[in-house]
C-alpha atoms as a PDB file:
ATOM      1  CA  UNK A   1      88.465 104.522 118.692  1.00  0.00           C
ATOM      2  CA  UNK A   2      86.480 105.860 115.905  1.00  0.00           C
ATOM      3  CA  UNK A   3      85.060 103.419 113.161  1.00  0.00           C
ATOM      4  CA  UNK A   4      85.226 106.152 110.847  1.00  0.00           C
ATOM      5  CA  UNK A   5      88.406 107.119 109.176  1.00  0.00           C
ATOM      6  CA  UNK A   6      87.970 110.959 108.901  1.00  0.00           C
ATOM      7  CA  UNK A   7      90.992 113.630 108.186  1.00  0.00           C
ATOM      8  CA  UNK A   8      89.312 116.281 110.270  1.00  0.00           C
ATOM      9  CA  UNK A   9      90.315 120.058 109.554  1.00  0.00           C
ATOM     10  CA  UNK A  10      92.495 121.354 112.033  1.00  0.00           C
ATOM     11  CA  UNK A  11      90.404 124.713 111.758  1.00  0.00           C
ATOM     12  CA  UNK A  12      86.755 123.635 111.545  1.00  0.00           C
ATOM     13  CA  UNK A  13      86.747 120.052 112.352  1.00  0.00           C
ATOM     14  CA  UNK A  14      85.430 119.462 108.859  1.00  0.00           C
ATOM     15  CA  UNK A  15      86.335 116.187 106.934  1.00  0.00           C
ATOM     16  CA  UNK A  16      88.882 117.138 104.733  1.00  0.00           C
ATOM     17  CA  UNK A  17      89.774 115.754 100.947  1.00  0.00           C
ATOM     18  CA  UNK A  18      92.971 115.011  99.168  1.00  0.00           C
ATOM     19  CA  UNK A  19      93.358 117.505  96.367  1.00  0.00           C
ATOM     20  CA  UNK A  20      94.516 116.616  92.913  1.00  0.00           C
ATOM     21  CA  UNK A  21      95.696 120.339  92.485  1.00  0.00           C
ATOM     22  CA  UNK A  22      98.069 121.527  95.654  1.00  0.00           C
ATOM     23  CA  UNK A  23      98.658 117.691  96.396  1.00  0.00           C
ATOM     24  CA  UNK A  24      97.727 118.204 100.313  1.00  0.00           C
ATOM     25  CA  UNK A  25      94.621 117.750 102.092  1.00  0.00           C
ATOM     26  CA  UNK A  26      91.988 120.534 101.734  1.00  0.00           C
ATOM     27  CA  UNK A  27      88.951 121.219 103.856  1.00  0.00           C
ATOM     28  CA  UNK A  28      85.523 121.863 101.287  1.00  0.00           C
ATOM     29  CA  UNK A  29      84.123 123.888 104.422  1.00  0.00           C
ATOM     30  CA  UNK A  30      86.804 126.378 105.089  1.00  0.00           C
ATOM     31  CA  UNK A  31      89.671 125.755 102.419  1.00  0.00           C
ATOM     32  CA  UNK A  32      92.147 124.945 104.522  1.00  0.00           C
ATOM     33  CA  UNK A  33      94.988 123.150 103.226  1.00  0.00           C
ATOM     34  CA  UNK A  34      97.764 120.734 105.101  1.00  0.00           C
ATOM     35  CA  UNK A  35     100.167 118.654 103.302  1.00  0.00           C
ATOM     36  CA  UNK A  36      99.943 115.081 104.426  1.00  0.00           C
ATOM     37  CA  UNK A  37     103.400 115.120 106.580  1.00  0.00           C
ATOM     38  CA  UNK A  38     102.367 118.078 108.384  1.00  0.00           C
ATOM     39  CA  UNK A  39      98.954 116.085 109.115  1.00  0.00           C
ATOM     40  CA  UNK A  40     100.589 113.259 110.244  1.00  0.00           C
ATOM     41  CA  UNK A  41     102.992 115.151 112.463  1.00  0.00           C
ATOM     42  CA  UNK A  42     100.076 116.866 114.228  1.00  0.00           C
ATOM     43  CA  UNK A  43      99.687 114.913 117.710  1.00  0.00           C
ATOM     44  CA  UNK A  44      95.853 115.690 117.313  1.00  0.00           C
ATOM     45  CA  UNK A  45      95.686 114.158 114.000  1.00  0.00           C
ATOM     46  CA  UNK A  46      98.020 111.308 114.317  1.00  0.00           C
ATOM     47  CA  UNK A  47      97.864 108.506 111.488  1.00  0.00           C
ATOM     48  CA  UNK A  48      99.473 105.050 111.952  1.00  0.00           C
ATOM     49  CA  UNK A  49     103.041 105.347 110.321  1.00  0.00           C
ATOM     50  CA  UNK A  50     103.350 103.464 106.842  1.00  0.00           C
ATOM     51  CA  UNK A  51     105.369 100.797 107.477  1.00  0.00           C
ATOM     52  CA  UNK A  52     106.733 100.739 103.458  1.00  0.00           C
ATOM     53  CA  UNK A  53     110.513 101.327 103.038  1.00  0.00           C
ATOM     54  CA  UNK A  54     111.553 104.667 101.888  1.00  0.00           C
ATOM     55  CA  UNK A  55     113.921 102.635  99.368  1.00  0.00           C
ATOM     56  CA  UNK A  56     111.939 101.062  96.591  1.00  0.00           C
ATOM     57  CA  UNK A  57     112.051  97.491  96.602  1.00  0.00           C
ATOM     58  CA  UNK A  58     111.152  95.248  93.769  1.00  0.00           C
ATOM     59  CA  UNK A  59     110.364  91.908  95.838  1.00  0.00           C
ATOM     60  CA  UNK A  60     107.294  90.193  96.501  1.00  0.00           C
ATOM     61  CA  UNK A  61     105.807  91.770 100.146  1.00  0.00           C
ATOM     62  CA  UNK A  62     103.080  89.059 100.758  1.00  0.00           C
ATOM     63  CA  UNK A  63     103.330  89.827 104.368  1.00  0.00           C
ATOM     64  CA  UNK A  64     102.637  93.460 103.838  1.00  0.00           C
ATOM     65  CA  UNK A  65      98.844  93.798 104.919  1.00  0.00           C
ATOM     66  CA  UNK A  66      96.762  96.273 105.928  1.00  0.00           C
ATOM     67  CA  UNK A  67      96.924  96.891 109.690  1.00  0.00           C
ATOM     68  CA  UNK A  68      94.012  97.685 111.939  1.00  0.00           C
ATOM     69  CA  UNK A  69      94.770 101.261 112.101  1.00  0.00           C
ATOM     70  CA  UNK A  70      95.209 101.588 108.484  1.00  0.00           C
ATOM     71  CA  UNK A  71      91.789 100.081 107.355  1.00  0.00           C
ATOM     72  CA  UNK A  72      90.322 101.612 110.106  1.00  0.00           C
ATOM     73  CA  UNK A  73      87.094 103.335 108.762  1.00  0.00           C
ATOM     74  CA  UNK A  74      87.233 102.021 105.196  1.00  0.00           C
ATOM     75  CA  UNK A  75      84.476 100.032 103.835  1.00  0.00           C
ATOM     76  CA  UNK A  76      83.865  97.496 101.096  1.00  0.00           C
ATOM     77  CA  UNK A  77      80.980  98.482  98.777  1.00  0.00           C
ATOM     78  CA  UNK A  78      79.892  95.788  96.391  1.00  0.00           C
ATOM     79  CA  UNK A  79      77.516  95.816  93.428  1.00  0.00           C
ATOM     80  CA  UNK A  80      74.748  93.646  93.153  1.00  0.00           C
ATOM     81  CA  UNK A  81      74.871  93.664  89.439  1.00  0.00           C
ATOM     82  CA  UNK A  82      78.334  93.117  87.923  1.00  0.00           C
ATOM     83  CA  UNK A  83      79.971  91.929  91.463  1.00  0.00           C
ATOM     84  CA  UNK A  84      82.513  94.806  91.680  1.00  0.00           C
ATOM     85  CA  UNK A  85      84.089  95.634  94.629  1.00  0.00           C
ATOM     86  CA  UNK A  86      85.580  99.129  95.808  1.00  0.00           C
ATOM     87  CA  UNK A  87      86.826 100.809  98.736  1.00  0.00           C
ATOM     88  CA  UNK A  88      85.849 103.802 100.078  1.00  0.00           C
ATOM     89  CA  UNK A  89      86.015 105.685 103.610  1.00  0.00           C
ATOM     90  CA  UNK A  90      82.498 106.270 105.259  1.00  0.00           C
ATOM     91  CA  UNK A  91      82.732 110.064 104.699  1.00  0.00           C
ATOM     92  CA  UNK A  92      83.329 109.594 100.864  1.00  0.00           C
ATOM     93  CA  UNK A  93      80.769 106.856 100.657  1.00  0.00           C
ATOM     94  CA  UNK A  94      79.759 105.388  97.511  1.00  0.00           C
ATOM     95  CA  UNK A  95      76.222 104.577  95.715  1.00  0.00           C
ATOM     96  CA  UNK A  96      76.749 103.600  92.580  1.00  0.00           C
ATOM     97  CA  UNK A  97      79.135 101.267  90.694  1.00  0.00           C
ATOM     98  CA  UNK A  98      82.061 102.967  88.901  1.00  0.00           C
ATOM     99  CA  UNK A  99      82.002  99.700  86.253  1.00  0.00           C
ATOM    100  CA  UNK A 100      78.220  99.223  85.579  1.00  0.00           C
ATOM    101  CA  UNK A 101      76.491 102.491  87.193  1.00  0.00           C
ATOM    102  CA  UNK A 102      73.964  99.983  89.025  1.00  0.00           C
ATOM    103  CA  UNK A 103      73.669 100.791  92.942  1.00  0.00           C
ATOM    104  CA  UNK A 104      75.937  99.286  94.939  1.00  0.00           C
ATOM    105  CA  UNK A 105      75.387  98.266  98.880  1.00  0.00           C
ATOM    106  CA  UNK A 106      78.079  98.364 101.973  1.00  0.00           C
ATOM    107  CA  UNK A 107      79.199  94.742 102.402  1.00  0.00           C
ATOM    108  CA  UNK A 108      81.341  95.461 105.512  1.00  0.00           C
ATOM    109  CA  UNK A 109      84.614  96.761 107.207  1.00  0.00           C
ATOM    110  CA  UNK A 110      87.560  96.020 105.383  1.00  0.00           C
ATOM    111  CA  UNK A 111      90.379  93.924 106.145  1.00  0.00           C
ATOM    112  CA  UNK A 112      92.870  91.133 104.692  1.00  0.00           C
ATOM    113  CA  UNK A 113      94.127  92.404 101.372  1.00  0.00           C
ATOM    114  CA  UNK A 114      97.745  92.966 100.766  1.00  0.00           C
ATOM    115  CA  UNK A 115      98.489  96.920 101.158  1.00  0.00           C
ATOM    116  CA  UNK A 116      99.727  98.950  98.222  1.00  0.00           C
ATOM    117  CA  UNK A 117     103.621  99.458  98.394  1.00  0.00           C
ATOM    118  CA  UNK A 118     102.968 102.756  96.172  1.00  0.00           C
ATOM    119  CA  UNK A 119     100.588 105.143  95.000  1.00  0.00           C
ATOM    120  CA  UNK A 120     100.389 107.576  91.998  1.00  0.00           C
ATOM    121  CA  UNK A 121      97.967 110.374  93.570  1.00  0.00           C
ATOM    122  CA  UNK A 122      95.482 112.107  91.450  1.00  0.00           C
ATOM    123  CA  UNK A 123      97.202 115.100  89.630  1.00  0.00           C
ATOM    124  CA  UNK A 124      94.185 115.989  87.617  1.00  0.00           C
ATOM    125  CA  UNK A 125      90.700 117.153  88.902  1.00  0.00           C
ATOM    126  CA  UNK A 126      86.987 116.294  87.849  1.00  0.00           C
ATOM    127  CA  UNK A 127      86.890 119.569  86.035  1.00  0.00           C
ATOM    128  CA  UNK A 128      90.054 118.728  83.901  1.00  0.00           C
ATOM    129  CA  UNK A 129      88.410 115.284  83.020  1.00  0.00           C
ATOM    130  CA  UNK A 130      85.020 116.669  82.039  1.00  0.00           C
ATOM    131  CA  UNK A 131      86.904 119.139  79.593  1.00  0.00           C
ATOM    132  CA  UNK A 132      89.286 116.142  78.386  1.00  0.00           C
ATOM    133  CA  UNK A 133      85.709 114.395  77.347  1.00  0.00           C
ATOM    134  CA  UNK A 134      84.197 117.128  75.155  1.00  0.00           C
ATOM    135  CA  UNK A 135      87.933 117.220  73.473  1.00  0.00           C
ATOM    136  CA  UNK A 136      87.983 113.743  72.886  1.00  0.00           C
ATOM    137  CA  UNK A 137      84.651 114.229  70.730  1.00  0.00           C
ATOM    138  CA  UNK A 138      86.140 116.948  68.638  1.00  0.00           C
ATOM    139  CA  UNK A 139      87.397 116.099  65.054  1.00  0.00           C
ATOM    140  CA  UNK A 140      86.054 112.747  64.812  1.00  0.00           C
ATOM    141  CA  UNK A 141      84.630 112.595  61.219  1.00  0.00           C
ATOM    142  CA  UNK A 142      82.334 109.897  61.442  1.00  0.00           C
ATOM    143  CA  UNK A 143      80.771 110.677  64.860  1.00  0.00           C
ATOM    144  CA  UNK A 144      76.889 111.282  65.022  1.00  0.00           C
ATOM    145  CA  UNK A 145      76.558 114.804  64.966  1.00  0.00           C
ATOM    146  CA  UNK A 146      74.234 114.945  67.524  1.00  0.00           C
ATOM    147  CA  UNK A 147      76.048 112.731  69.811  1.00  0.00           C
ATOM    148  CA  UNK A 148      77.632 115.506  71.443  1.00  0.00           C
ATOM    149  CA  UNK A 149      74.370 117.381  72.233  1.00  0.00           C
ATOM    150  CA  UNK A 150      71.804 114.404  73.217  1.00  0.00           C
ATOM    151  CA  UNK A 151      74.199 112.432  75.172  1.00  0.00           C
ATOM    152  CA  UNK A 152      74.996 113.390  78.788  1.00  0.00           C
ATOM    153  CA  UNK A 153      77.461 112.170  81.327  1.00  0.00           C
ATOM    154  CA  UNK A 154      75.721 109.758  83.932  1.00  0.00           C
ATOM    155  CA  UNK A 155      78.515 109.753  86.418  1.00  0.00           C
ATOM    156  CA  UNK A 156      82.251 110.984  86.522  1.00  0.00           C
ATOM    157  CA  UNK A 157      84.256 109.046  89.616  1.00  0.00           C
ATOM    158  CA  UNK A 158      87.808 109.243  90.489  1.00  0.00           C
ATOM    159  CA  UNK A 159      89.047 105.539  91.141  1.00  0.00           C
ATOM    160  CA  UNK A 160      92.383 104.474  92.025  1.00  0.00           C
ATOM    161  CA  UNK A 161      92.946 100.908  90.169  1.00  0.00           C
ATOM    162  CA  UNK A 162      94.992  98.485  91.319  1.00  0.00           C
ATOM    163  CA  UNK A 163      98.232  97.424  89.230  1.00  0.00           C
ATOM    164  CA  UNK A 164     101.217  94.944  89.944  1.00  0.00           C
ATOM    165  CA  UNK A 165     104.096  96.772  88.810  1.00  0.00           C
ATOM    166  CA  UNK A 166     106.839  94.408  87.348  1.00  0.00           C
ATOM    167  CA  UNK A 167     110.571  94.292  86.147  1.00  0.00           C
ATOM    168  CA  UNK A 168     112.757  92.077  84.584  1.00  0.00           C
ATOM    169  CA  UNK A 169     116.409  91.401  83.005  1.00  0.00           C
ATOM    170  CA  UNK A 170     116.057  89.884  79.772  1.00  0.00           C
ATOM    171  CA  UNK A 171     118.666  88.087  77.814  1.00  0.00           C
ATOM    172  CA  UNK A 172     117.868  87.415  74.342  1.00  0.00           C
ATOM    173  CA  UNK A 173     119.341  85.978  71.458  1.00  0.00           C
ATOM    174  CA  UNK A 174     117.648  86.147  68.072  1.00  0.00           C
ATOM    175  CA  UNK A 175     118.170  84.706  64.434  1.00  0.00           C
ATOM    176  CA  UNK A 176     116.695  86.574  61.320  1.00  0.00           C
ATOM    177  CA  UNK A 177     116.012  85.698  57.778  1.00  0.00           C
ATOM    178  CA  UNK A 178     116.747  88.865  55.759  1.00  0.00           C
ATOM    179  CA  UNK A 179     116.723  89.521  52.282  1.00  0.00           C
ATOM    180  CA  UNK A 180     118.302  91.733  49.914  1.00  0.00           C
ATOM    181  CA  UNK A 181     116.993  92.375  46.338  1.00  0.00           C
ATOM    182  CA  UNK A 182     118.730  94.428  43.141  1.00  0.00           C
ATOM    183  CA  UNK A 183     117.150  94.992  39.860  1.00  0.00           C
ATOM    184  CA  UNK A 184     118.570  95.985  36.891  1.00  0.00           C
ATOM    185  CA  UNK A 185     117.817  96.299  32.933  1.00  0.00           C
ATOM    186  CA  UNK A 186     120.164  95.074  30.383  1.00  0.00           C
ATOM    187  CA  UNK A 187     119.480  95.346  26.984  1.00  0.00           C
ATOM    188  CA  UNK A 188     115.762  95.423  27.454  1.00  0.00           C
ATOM    189  CA  UNK A 189     115.993  92.313  29.899  1.00  0.00           C
ATOM    190  CA  UNK A 190     115.111  92.948  33.387  1.00  0.00           C
ATOM    191  CA  UNK A 191     117.264  91.105  36.096  1.00  0.00           C
ATOM    192  CA  UNK A 192     116.458  90.490  39.666  1.00  0.00           C
ATOM    193  CA  UNK A 193     119.311  89.347  42.437  1.00  0.00           C
ATOM    194  CA  UNK A 194     118.441  87.966  45.464  1.00  0.00           C
ATOM    195  CA  UNK A 195     120.687  87.610  48.544  1.00  0.00           C
ATOM    196  CA  UNK A 196     119.592  85.890  51.645  1.00  0.00           C
ATOM    197  CA  UNK A 197     121.255  86.399  55.132  1.00  0.00           C
ATOM    198  CA  UNK A 198     121.523  84.870  58.495  1.00  0.00           C
ATOM    199  CA  UNK A 199     121.339  87.956  60.729  1.00  0.00           C
ATOM    200  CA  UNK A 200     122.050  87.525  64.315  1.00  0.00           C
ATOM    201  CA  UNK A 201     121.430  89.365  67.410  1.00  0.00           C
ATOM    202  CA  UNK A 202     122.289  89.012  71.109  1.00  0.00           C
ATOM    203  CA  UNK A 203     122.141  91.233  74.063  1.00  0.00           C
ATOM    204  CA  UNK A 204     120.698  92.035  77.585  1.00  0.00           C
ATOM    205  CA  UNK A 205     117.788  94.768  78.431  1.00  0.00           C
ATOM    206  CA  UNK A 206     116.295  95.742  81.576  1.00  0.00           C
ATOM    207  CA  UNK A 207     112.469  96.508  81.851  1.00  0.00           C
ATOM    208  CA  UNK A 208     111.331  98.939  84.860  1.00  0.00           C
ATOM    209  CA  UNK A 209     107.806  99.695  86.032  1.00  0.00           C
ATOM    210  CA  UNK A 210     106.038  97.401  83.880  1.00  0.00           C
ATOM    211  CA  UNK A 211     102.123  97.699  84.893  1.00  0.00           C
ATOM    212  CA  UNK A 212      99.586  94.891  84.711  1.00  0.00           C
ATOM    213  CA  UNK A 213      95.927  95.730  85.722  1.00  0.00           C
ATOM    214  CA  UNK A 214      95.026  93.927  88.710  1.00  0.00           C
ATOM    215  CA  UNK A 215      91.302  94.413  88.360  1.00  0.00           C
ATOM    216  CA  UNK A 216      88.775  92.157  86.146  1.00  0.00           C
ATOM    217  CA  UNK A 217      86.242  94.614  86.012  1.00  0.00           C
ATOM    218  CA  UNK A 218      88.949  97.140  84.106  1.00  0.00           C
ATOM    219  CA  UNK A 219      89.300  95.881  80.422  1.00  0.00           C
ATOM    220  CA  UNK A 220      93.134  95.104  80.145  1.00  0.00           C
ATOM    221  CA  UNK A 221      93.016  97.391  76.561  1.00  0.00           C
ATOM    222  CA  UNK A 222      91.192 100.088  78.331  1.00  0.00           C
ATOM    223  CA  UNK A 223      93.917 100.595  80.952  1.00  0.00           C
ATOM    224  CA  UNK A 224      96.921  99.948  78.294  1.00  0.00           C
ATOM    225  CA  UNK A 225      95.381 102.756  76.316  1.00  0.00           C
ATOM    226  CA  UNK A 226      95.843 105.085  78.785  1.00  0.00           C
ATOM    227  CA  UNK A 227      99.212 104.613  79.614  1.00  0.00           C
ATOM    228  CA  UNK A 228     101.867 105.683  80.276  1.00  0.00           C
ATOM    229  CA  UNK A 229     102.357 106.514  83.922  1.00  0.00           C
ATOM    230  CA  UNK A 230     105.226 108.117  85.133  1.00  0.00           C
ATOM    231  CA  UNK A 231     106.244 105.869  87.968  1.00  0.00           C
ATOM    232  CA  UNK A 232     109.020 108.615  89.530  1.00  0.00           C
ATOM    233  CA  UNK A 233     105.952 110.234  90.779  1.00  0.00           C
ATOM    234  CA  UNK A 234     104.724 107.206  92.987  1.00  0.00           C
ATOM    235  CA  UNK A 235     104.888 107.749  96.573  1.00  0.00           C
ATOM    236  CA  UNK A 236     104.924 105.328  99.407  1.00  0.00           C
ATOM    237  CA  UNK A 237     100.888 104.254 100.068  1.00  0.00           C
ATOM    238  CA  UNK A 238      99.121 106.237 102.805  1.00  0.00           C
ATOM    239  CA  UNK A 239      95.367 105.686 103.276  1.00  0.00           C
ATOM    240  CA  UNK A 240      95.076 109.824 103.286  1.00  0.00           C
ATOM    241  CA  UNK A 241      95.402 109.768  99.266  1.00  0.00           C
ATOM    242  CA  UNK A 242      92.162 107.767  99.230  1.00  0.00           C
ATOM    243  CA  UNK A 243      90.483 110.839 100.859  1.00  0.00           C
ATOM    244  CA  UNK A 244      87.584 111.967  98.388  1.00  0.00           C
ATOM    245  CA  UNK A 245      88.171 108.964  95.911  1.00  0.00           C
ATOM    246  CA  UNK A 246      87.177 105.396  95.796  1.00  0.00           C
ATOM    247  CA  UNK A 247      89.946 102.431  95.196  1.00  0.00           C
ATOM    248  CA  UNK A 248      88.961  99.191  93.257  1.00  0.00           C
ATOM    249  CA  UNK A 249      89.876  96.152  95.321  1.00  0.00           C
ATOM    250  CA  UNK A 250      92.153  93.896  93.289  1.00  0.00           C
ATOM    251  CA  UNK A 251      90.888  90.666  92.032  1.00  0.00           C
ATOM    252  CA  UNK A 252      93.429  89.071  89.631  1.00  0.00           C
ATOM    253  CA  UNK A 253      96.366  87.444  91.162  1.00  0.00           C
ATOM    254  CA  UNK A 254     100.142  88.297  90.341  1.00  0.00           C
ATOM    255  CA  UNK A 255     100.470  84.831  88.606  1.00  0.00           C
ATOM    256  CA  UNK A 256      97.989  86.087  86.017  1.00  0.00           C
ATOM    257  CA  UNK A 257      99.458  89.132  85.926  1.00  0.00           C
ATOM    258  CA  UNK A 258     102.933  87.859  85.523  1.00  0.00           C
ATOM    259  CA  UNK A 259     102.192  86.046  82.342  1.00  0.00           C
ATOM    260  CA  UNK A 260     100.823  89.020  80.901  1.00  0.00           C
ATOM    261  CA  UNK A 261     103.560  91.246  81.888  1.00  0.00           C
ATOM    262  CA  UNK A 262     106.216  88.698  80.861  1.00  0.00           C
ATOM    263  CA  UNK A 263     104.440  88.814  77.360  1.00  0.00           C
ATOM    264  CA  UNK A 264     104.692  92.613  77.169  1.00  0.00           C
ATOM    265  CA  UNK A 265     108.220  92.198  77.877  1.00  0.00           C
ATOM    266  CA  UNK A 266     108.961  89.851  75.448  1.00  0.00           C
ATOM    267  CA  UNK A 267     107.169  91.678  72.855  1.00  0.00           C
ATOM    268  CA  UNK A 268     108.723  94.652  73.548  1.00  0.00           C
ATOM    269  CA  UNK A 269     112.221  92.660  73.587  1.00  0.00           C
ATOM    270  CA  UNK A 270     111.469  91.194  69.950  1.00  0.00           C
ATOM    271  CA  UNK A 271     110.562  94.319  68.673  1.00  0.00           C
ATOM    272  CA  UNK A 272     113.770  96.194  70.063  1.00  0.00           C
ATOM    273  CA  UNK A 273     115.994  93.598  68.482  1.00  0.00           C
ATOM    274  CA  UNK A 274     114.321  93.841  65.259  1.00  0.00           C
ATOM    275  CA  UNK A 275     114.289  97.272  64.978  1.00  0.00           C
ATOM    276  CA  UNK A 276     118.438  97.047  64.745  1.00  0.00           C
ATOM    277  CA  UNK A 277     117.878  94.728  61.792  1.00  0.00           C
ATOM    278  CA  UNK A 278     117.997  97.526  59.163  1.00  0.00           C
ATOM    279  CA  UNK A 279     119.408  97.588  55.513  1.00  0.00           C
ATOM    280  CA  UNK A 280     117.441  94.917  54.135  1.00  0.00           C
ATOM    281  CA  UNK A 281     114.107  94.642  51.943  1.00  0.00           C
ATOM    282  CA  UNK A 282     112.765  91.870  54.172  1.00  0.00           C
ATOM    283  CA  UNK A 283     113.427  90.623  57.781  1.00  0.00           C
ATOM    284  CA  UNK A 284     111.386  87.737  59.680  1.00  0.00           C
ATOM    285  CA  UNK A 285     112.481  85.976  63.169  1.00  0.00           C
ATOM    286  CA  UNK A 286     113.620  82.405  62.591  1.00  0.00           C
ATOM    287  CA  UNK A 287     114.371  81.412  65.853  1.00  0.00           C
ATOM    288  CA  UNK A 288     114.942  82.927  69.269  1.00  0.00           C
ATOM    289  CA  UNK A 289     115.737  82.559  72.716  1.00  0.00           C
ATOM    290  CA  UNK A 290     114.544  85.060  75.125  1.00  0.00           C
ATOM    291  CA  UNK A 291     114.502  84.326  79.021  1.00  0.00           C
ATOM    292  CA  UNK A 292     113.415  86.852  81.556  1.00  0.00           C
ATOM    293  CA  UNK A 293     115.410  86.852  85.082  1.00  0.00           C
ATOM    294  CA  UNK A 294     115.182  88.337  88.411  1.00  0.00           C
ATOM    295  CA  UNK A 295     111.583  89.342  87.725  1.00  0.00           C
ATOM    296  CA  UNK A 296     110.354  91.168  90.744  1.00  0.00           C
ATOM    297  CA  UNK A 297     107.109  92.736  91.350  1.00  0.00           C
ATOM    298  CA  UNK A 298     105.112  95.371  93.797  1.00  0.00           C
ATOM    299  CA  UNK A 299     101.822  96.475  94.206  1.00  0.00           C
ATOM    300  CA  UNK A 300     100.347 100.071  93.648  1.00  0.00           C
ATOM    301  CA  UNK A 301      97.246 102.231  93.000  1.00  0.00           C
ATOM    302  CA  UNK A 302      96.787 104.179  89.716  1.00  0.00           C
ATOM    303  CA  UNK A 303      94.686 107.055  89.345  1.00  0.00           C
ATOM    304  CA  UNK A 304      91.806 107.049  87.080  1.00  0.00           C
ATOM    305  CA  UNK A 305      88.785 108.986  85.704  1.00  0.00           C
ATOM    306  CA  UNK A 306      85.922 106.742  84.597  1.00  0.00           C
ATOM    307  CA  UNK A 307      82.863 108.548  82.535  1.00  0.00           C
ATOM    308  CA  UNK A 308      80.002 106.965  81.940  1.00  0.00           C
ATOM    309  CA  UNK A 309      77.510 108.340  79.314  1.00  0.00           C
ATOM    310  CA  UNK A 310      74.293 107.004  77.958  1.00  0.00           C
ATOM    311  CA  UNK A 311      72.984 107.671  73.877  1.00  0.00           C
ATOM    312  CA  UNK A 312      70.243 105.912  72.294  1.00  0.00           C
ATOM    313  CA  UNK A 313      70.173 103.315  74.935  1.00  0.00           C
ATOM    314  CA  UNK A 314      73.545 102.564  74.556  1.00  0.00           C
ATOM    315  CA  UNK A 315      76.303 102.950  77.680  1.00  0.00           C
ATOM    316  CA  UNK A 316      79.685 104.192  76.667  1.00  0.00           C
ATOM    317  CA  UNK A 317      82.529 104.279  79.302  1.00  0.00           C
ATOM    318  CA  UNK A 318      85.330 106.832  78.801  1.00  0.00           C
ATOM    319  CA  UNK A 319      88.695 106.473  80.890  1.00  0.00           C
ATOM    320  CA  UNK A 320      91.195 109.183  81.659  1.00  0.00           C
ATOM    321  CA  UNK A 321      94.826 108.439  82.930  1.00  0.00           C
ATOM    322  CA  UNK A 322      94.164 111.062  86.465  1.00  0.00           C
ATOM    323  CA  UNK A 323      98.225 111.844  86.278  1.00  0.00           C
ATOM    324  CA  UNK A 324      98.635 112.695  82.337  1.00  0.00           C
ATOM    325  CA  UNK A 325      95.441 113.506  81.169  1.00  0.00           C
ATOM    326  CA  UNK A 326      95.196 110.989  78.366  1.00  0.00           C
ATOM    327  CA  UNK A 327      91.608 110.034  77.543  1.00  0.00           C
ATOM    328  CA  UNK A 328      90.455 107.197  75.749  1.00  0.00           C
ATOM    329  CA  UNK A 329      86.837 105.823  75.042  1.00  0.00           C
ATOM    330  CA  UNK A 330      84.384 104.235  72.737  1.00  0.00           C
ATOM    331  CA  UNK A 331      82.121 106.229  70.176  1.00  0.00           C
ATOM    332  CA  UNK A 332      79.373 105.432  68.124  1.00  0.00           C
ATOM    333  CA  UNK A 333      79.738 105.634  64.343  1.00  0.00           C
ATOM    334  CA  UNK A 334      77.521 107.402  61.626  1.00  0.00           C
ATOM    335  CA  UNK A 335      77.054 104.573  59.440  1.00  0.00           C
ATOM    336  CA  UNK A 336      75.257 106.545  56.886  1.00  0.00           C
ATOM    337  CA  UNK A 337      78.148 109.271  56.822  1.00  0.00           C
ATOM    338  CA  UNK A 338      80.627 106.624  56.919  1.00  0.00           C
ATOM    339  CA  UNK A 339      79.352 104.591  53.563  1.00  0.00           C
ATOM    340  CA  UNK A 340      78.691 108.335  52.010  1.00  0.00           C
ATOM    341  CA  UNK A 341      82.246 109.043  52.367  1.00  0.00           C
ATOM    342  CA  UNK A 342      83.429 105.320  51.454  1.00  0.00           C
ATOM    343  CA  UNK A 343      81.143 105.528  47.945  1.00  0.00           C
ATOM    344  CA  UNK A 344      82.450 108.943  46.789  1.00  0.00           C
ATOM    345  CA  UNK A 345      85.696 108.175  47.431  1.00  0.00           C
ATOM    346  CA  UNK A 346      85.412 104.612  45.576  1.00  0.00           C
ATOM    347  CA  UNK A 347      86.656 102.621  48.176  1.00  0.00           C
ATOM    348  CA  UNK A 348      87.259  98.777  47.937  1.00  0.00           C
ATOM    349  CA  UNK A 349      86.154  96.412  50.518  1.00  0.00           C
ATOM    350  CA  UNK A 350      89.450  95.661  51.644  1.00  0.00           C
ATOM    351  CA  UNK A 351      90.231  99.754  52.408  1.00  0.00           C
ATOM    352  CA  UNK A 352      86.905 100.054  54.132  1.00  0.00           C
ATOM    353  CA  UNK A 353      87.525  97.542  56.651  1.00  0.00           C
ATOM    354  CA  UNK A 354      91.121  99.051  57.264  1.00  0.00           C
ATOM    355  CA  UNK A 355      89.412 102.361  57.746  1.00  0.00           C
ATOM    356  CA  UNK A 356      87.176 100.755  60.276  1.00  0.00           C
ATOM    357  CA  UNK A 357      89.966  98.818  61.933  1.00  0.00           C
ATOM    358  CA  UNK A 358      91.945 102.481  62.279  1.00  0.00           C
ATOM    359  CA  UNK A 359      88.387 104.075  63.703  1.00  0.00           C
ATOM    360  CA  UNK A 360      88.247 101.363  66.656  1.00  0.00           C
ATOM    361  CA  UNK A 361      91.984 102.015  67.474  1.00  0.00           C
ATOM    362  CA  UNK A 362      91.687 105.867  67.540  1.00  0.00           C
ATOM    363  CA  UNK A 363      88.183 105.696  69.461  1.00  0.00           C
END
């Protein structure tokens, strides 16, 4: 048995890679394409069968570990600088850390972790990611003009990021303090009438496919910014989808992610109920009871393009959703141009702070 996981081309015997456009394995040497199902069906290229059920089961799958056949040829690479660990086959290899840009070294053969239940394959390639990056730079009023010409993309990597995917049934009841006001003028005297109400809302909401980032190296805010992902395009995990890409090794357990996902679900439920209280000048929650029931989770890999660029000694990181193309990332601020704009517009300190906060959100 070989210690290298290779998907050999049936035509020229070269190492094939997963192609995001065709959603097939493609040979970079002779351009032969073959679907993963066809590749598995080929006797000379038999791959260990995935024991994930065809039906979606939103239950913990702690016993679903990588088998010896699945992990064959997959190696763990670790960064000596940030401690990040990524998985890649020996054919793809890894030389630099996608998180901090420093060199990585092979740690050893991969084994032990939970095997993903699902994976959303890359749909967009490196060319699309690069184009999205340059579009991201356009229209930014306070971006230094020379940033686009002086900075360069240090590295661009397609990496599968680990996510814990949750669903829950929410049972909620919320009381709101609401107010209606009416003003009128009579014989030169202005009157104001205030009416106060206790508004009650109650109901059930079911949430599906709520993601929680399972990697401590990827900022939660960055990963949430490139949402949403379309989980309907997720497929049962197969190691063949990793060909040509790397995968981040999860290091945030489900207990931590359950708390974060639960808070997102609770906040969303509160907002949903709040939006039904209309016709009042002011509305504020007074007391609430929100319970999450039947919480279930699974483990999935989501596609992300990471772009690193350097300008004036500072490193900037950008992320693109490998399924939808949504791009986010931090950008430098031309302080001189910004303050010139603020002065000419006669903006006060509070307005300036609001603009800065808005710019940070947009970037």
